[in-house]
Amino acid sequence: VRLVESGGGLVQPGGSLRLSCVASGFSFSGFRMSWYRQAPGKDRELVASIGSAGGITDYAEAVKGRFTISRDNAKNTVYLQMNTLKPEDTAVYYCNFVFLQPYWGQGTQVTVSS
């Protein structure tokens, strides 16, 4: 099983980024996928999740209306479009799914700063 995130970087407040997570080693289209984030000194928190077919999504209150999770099962990829970024969105963002245990990628750093 492998999850590889990309797309992080440094962006000014109000800017946008699109994160990608390419999955391999399991039947991607059969699993709910999630994005988590962890800021320095804080616990890892759920940001957004999406059902296996992409029809059901959930978001943390802090990102509702600004972030959009989506997936392309043909490409084994889940995305996180992040708009109107705020300094408090600064964190390492992780891709995740659960099958008997949680699986994580290596994370991608997002820094929102002027």
C-alpha atoms as a PDB file:
ATOM      1  CA  VAL A   1       0.000   0.000   0.000  1.00  0.00           C
ATOM      2  CA  ARG A   2       1.311   3.382  -0.929  1.00  0.00           C
ATOM      3  CA  LEU A   3      -0.117   6.904  -0.656  1.00  0.00           C
ATOM      4  CA  VAL A   4       1.903   9.743  -2.177  1.00  0.00           C
ATOM      5  CA  GLU A   5       0.839  13.328  -1.574  1.00  0.00           C
ATOM      6  CA  SER A   6       1.963  16.325  -3.595  1.00  0.00           C
ATOM      7  CA  GLY A   7       0.993  19.897  -4.329  1.00  0.00           C
ATOM      8  CA  GLY A   8       1.925  21.622  -1.103  1.00  0.00           C
ATOM      9  CA  GLY A   9       3.957  24.800  -0.911  1.00  0.00           C
ATOM     10  CA  LEU A  10       4.106  28.380   0.260  1.00  0.00           C
ATOM     11  CA  VAL A  11       1.124  30.560  -0.587  1.00  0.00           C
ATOM     12  CA  GLN A  12      -0.065  33.995   0.507  1.00  0.00           C
ATOM     13  CA  PRO A  13      -3.256  34.388   2.522  1.00  0.00           C
ATOM     14  CA  GLY A  14      -6.239  34.291   0.213  1.00  0.00           C
ATOM     15  CA  GLY A  15      -4.427  32.078  -2.258  1.00  0.00           C
ATOM     16  CA  SER A  16      -5.187  28.582  -3.499  1.00  0.00           C
ATOM     17  CA  LEU A  17      -3.485  25.223  -3.703  1.00  0.00           C
ATOM     18  CA  ARG A  18      -4.525  21.846  -5.032  1.00  0.00           C
ATOM     19  CA  LEU A  19      -3.214  18.773  -3.253  1.00  0.00           C
ATOM     20  CA  SER A  20      -3.095  15.357  -4.890  1.00  0.00           C
ATOM     21  CA  CYS A  21      -2.718  11.900  -3.413  1.00  0.00           C
ATOM     22  CA  VAL A  22      -1.889   8.996  -5.701  1.00  0.00           C
ATOM     23  CA  ALA A  23      -2.745   5.601  -4.253  1.00  0.00           C
ATOM     24  CA  SER A  24      -1.422   2.166  -5.139  1.00  0.00           C
ATOM     25  CA  GLY A  25      -1.386  -1.346  -3.749  1.00  0.00           C
ATOM     26  CA  PHE A  26      -5.068  -1.625  -2.908  1.00  0.00           C
ATOM     27  CA  SER A  27      -8.467  -1.357  -4.549  1.00  0.00           C
ATOM     28  CA  PHE A  28      -8.739   2.438  -4.418  1.00  0.00           C
ATOM     29  CA  SER A  29     -12.274   2.660  -5.777  1.00  0.00           C
ATOM     30  CA  GLY A  30     -13.605   0.568  -2.927  1.00  0.00           C
ATOM     31  CA  PHE A  31     -12.540   2.828  -0.083  1.00  0.00           C
ATOM     32  CA  ARG A  32     -13.492   6.091   1.499  1.00  0.00           C
ATOM     33  CA  MET A  33     -10.536   8.469   1.374  1.00  0.00           C
ATOM     34  CA  SER A  34      -9.690  11.323   3.695  1.00  0.00           C
ATOM     35  CA  TRP A  35      -7.372  14.278   4.086  1.00  0.00           C
ATOM     36  CA  TYR A  36      -5.988  15.105   7.518  1.00  0.00           C
ATOM     37  CA  ARG A  37      -3.647  17.861   8.637  1.00  0.00           C
ATOM     38  CA  GLN A  38      -1.300  18.429  11.522  1.00  0.00           C
ATOM     39  CA  ALA A  39      -0.046  21.823  12.562  1.00  0.00           C
ATOM     40  CA  PRO A  40       3.047  22.218  14.763  1.00  0.00           C
ATOM     41  CA  GLY A  41       2.235  21.367  18.358  1.00  0.00           C
ATOM     42  CA  LYS A  42      -1.290  20.222  17.542  1.00  0.00           C
ATOM     43  CA  ASP A  43      -3.039  16.910  17.072  1.00  0.00           C
ATOM     44  CA  ARG A  44      -3.724  15.553  13.614  1.00  0.00           C
ATOM     45  CA  GLU A  45      -7.244  16.539  12.550  1.00  0.00           C
ATOM     46  CA  LEU A  46      -9.653  15.423   9.874  1.00  0.00           C
ATOM     47  CA  VAL A  47     -10.076  17.982   7.110  1.00  0.00           C
ATOM     48  CA  ALA A  48     -12.313  16.245   4.579  1.00  0.00           C
ATOM     49  CA  SER A  49     -13.414  12.817   3.441  1.00  0.00           C
ATOM     50  CA  ILE A  50     -15.092  11.377   0.366  1.00  0.00           C
ATOM     51  CA  GLY A  51     -17.024   8.195  -0.263  1.00  0.00           C
ATOM     52  CA  SER A  52     -15.765   5.464  -2.538  1.00  0.00           C
ATOM     53  CA  ALA A  53     -17.870   6.623  -5.487  1.00  0.00           C
ATOM     54  CA  GLY A  54     -17.303  10.290  -4.743  1.00  0.00           C
ATOM     55  CA  GLY A  55     -20.910  11.129  -3.989  1.00  0.00           C
ATOM     56  CA  ILE A  56     -20.678  11.708  -0.234  1.00  0.00           C
ATOM     57  CA  THR A  57     -18.306  14.257   1.231  1.00  0.00           C
ATOM     58  CA  ASP A  58     -17.710  15.630   4.712  1.00  0.00           C
ATOM     59  CA  TYR A  59     -15.718  18.638   5.836  1.00  0.00           C
ATOM     60  CA  ALA A  60     -14.382  20.061   9.049  1.00  0.00           C
ATOM     61  CA  GLU A  61     -16.204  23.223  10.038  1.00  0.00           C
ATOM     62  CA  ALA A  62     -13.012  25.236   9.701  1.00  0.00           C
ATOM     63  CA  VAL A  63     -12.727  24.503   5.971  1.00  0.00           C
ATOM     64  CA  LYS A  64     -16.353  24.319   4.828  1.00  0.00           C
ATOM     65  CA  GLY A  65     -16.969  26.541   1.845  1.00  0.00           C
ATOM     66  CA  ARG A  66     -13.240  26.924   1.147  1.00  0.00           C
ATOM     67  CA  PHE A  67     -11.964  23.393   0.519  1.00  0.00           C
ATOM     68  CA  THR A  68     -13.292  20.781  -1.899  1.00  0.00           C
ATOM     69  CA  ILE A  69     -12.381  17.103  -1.863  1.00  0.00           C
ATOM     70  CA  SER A  70     -12.751  15.049  -5.034  1.00  0.00           C
ATOM     71  CA  ARG A  71     -11.453  11.828  -6.523  1.00  0.00           C
ATOM     72  CA  ASP A  72     -10.723  10.204  -9.846  1.00  0.00           C
ATOM     73  CA  ASN A  73     -11.023   6.452  -9.456  1.00  0.00           C
ATOM     74  CA  ALA A  74      -9.605   5.883 -12.943  1.00  0.00           C
ATOM     75  CA  LYS A  75      -6.388   7.591 -11.800  1.00  0.00           C
ATOM     76  CA  ASN A  76      -6.378   6.239  -8.228  1.00  0.00           C
ATOM     77  CA  THR A  77      -6.118   9.824  -7.066  1.00  0.00           C
ATOM     78  CA  VAL A  78      -7.850  11.953  -4.453  1.00  0.00           C
ATOM     79  CA  TYR A  79      -7.602  15.741  -4.523  1.00  0.00           C
ATOM     80  CA  LEU A  80      -8.046  18.594  -2.099  1.00  0.00           C
ATOM     81  CA  GLN A  81      -8.730  21.982  -3.674  1.00  0.00           C
ATOM     82  CA  MET A  82      -7.985  24.649  -1.101  1.00  0.00           C
ATOM     83  CA  ASN A  83      -9.185  28.195  -1.722  1.00  0.00           C
ATOM     84  CA  THR A  84      -9.123  31.364   0.351  1.00  0.00           C
ATOM     85  CA  LEU A  85      -6.281  29.966   2.404  1.00  0.00           C
ATOM     86  CA  LYS A  86      -5.622  31.367   5.858  1.00  0.00           C
ATOM     87  CA  PRO A  87      -2.480  31.311   8.024  1.00  0.00           C
ATOM     88  CA  GLU A  88      -4.243  28.854  10.327  1.00  0.00           C
ATOM     89  CA  ASP A  89      -4.390  26.366   7.436  1.00  0.00           C
ATOM     90  CA  THR A  90      -0.616  25.981   7.720  1.00  0.00           C
ATOM     91  CA  ALA A  91       0.092  22.320   8.412  1.00  0.00           C
ATOM     92  CA  VAL A  92       1.352  19.083   6.970  1.00  0.00           C
ATOM     93  CA  TYR A  93      -1.490  17.522   4.999  1.00  0.00           C
ATOM     94  CA  TYR A  94      -1.866  13.744   4.891  1.00  0.00           C
ATOM     95  CA  CYS A  95      -3.866  11.377   2.739  1.00  0.00           C
ATOM     96  CA  ASN A  96      -5.565   8.509   4.580  1.00  0.00           C
ATOM     97  CA  PHE A  97      -7.741   5.460   4.290  1.00  0.00           C
ATOM     98  CA  VAL A  98      -8.641   2.700   6.709  1.00  0.00           C
ATOM     99  CA  PHE A  99      -8.742  -1.042   6.181  1.00  0.00           C
ATOM    100  CA  LEU A 100      -8.280  -2.885   9.451  1.00  0.00           C
ATOM    101  CA  GLN A 101      -5.771  -0.125  10.257  1.00  0.00           C
ATOM    102  CA  PRO A 102      -5.146   3.456   9.156  1.00  0.00           C
ATOM    103  CA  TYR A 103      -2.794   4.033   6.241  1.00  0.00           C
ATOM    104  CA  TRP A 104      -0.990   7.341   5.755  1.00  0.00           C
ATOM    105  CA  GLY A 105       1.107   9.030   3.150  1.00  0.00           C
ATOM    106  CA  GLN A 106       4.289  10.925   3.941  1.00  0.00           C
ATOM    107  CA  GLY A 107       2.489  14.259   3.955  1.00  0.00           C
ATOM    108  CA  THR A 108       2.903  17.517   2.062  1.00  0.00           C
ATOM    109  CA  GLN A 109       3.659  20.836   3.737  1.00  0.00           C
ATOM    110  CA  VAL A 110       1.284  23.734   3.231  1.00  0.00           C
ATOM    111  CA  THR A 111       2.432  27.124   4.505  1.00  0.00           C
ATOM    112  CA  VAL A 112       0.168  30.145   4.309  1.00  0.00           C
ATOM    113  CA  SER A 113       2.101  33.306   4.995  1.00  0.00           C
ATOM    114  CA  SER A 114       2.687  36.764   3.609  1.00  0.00           C
END
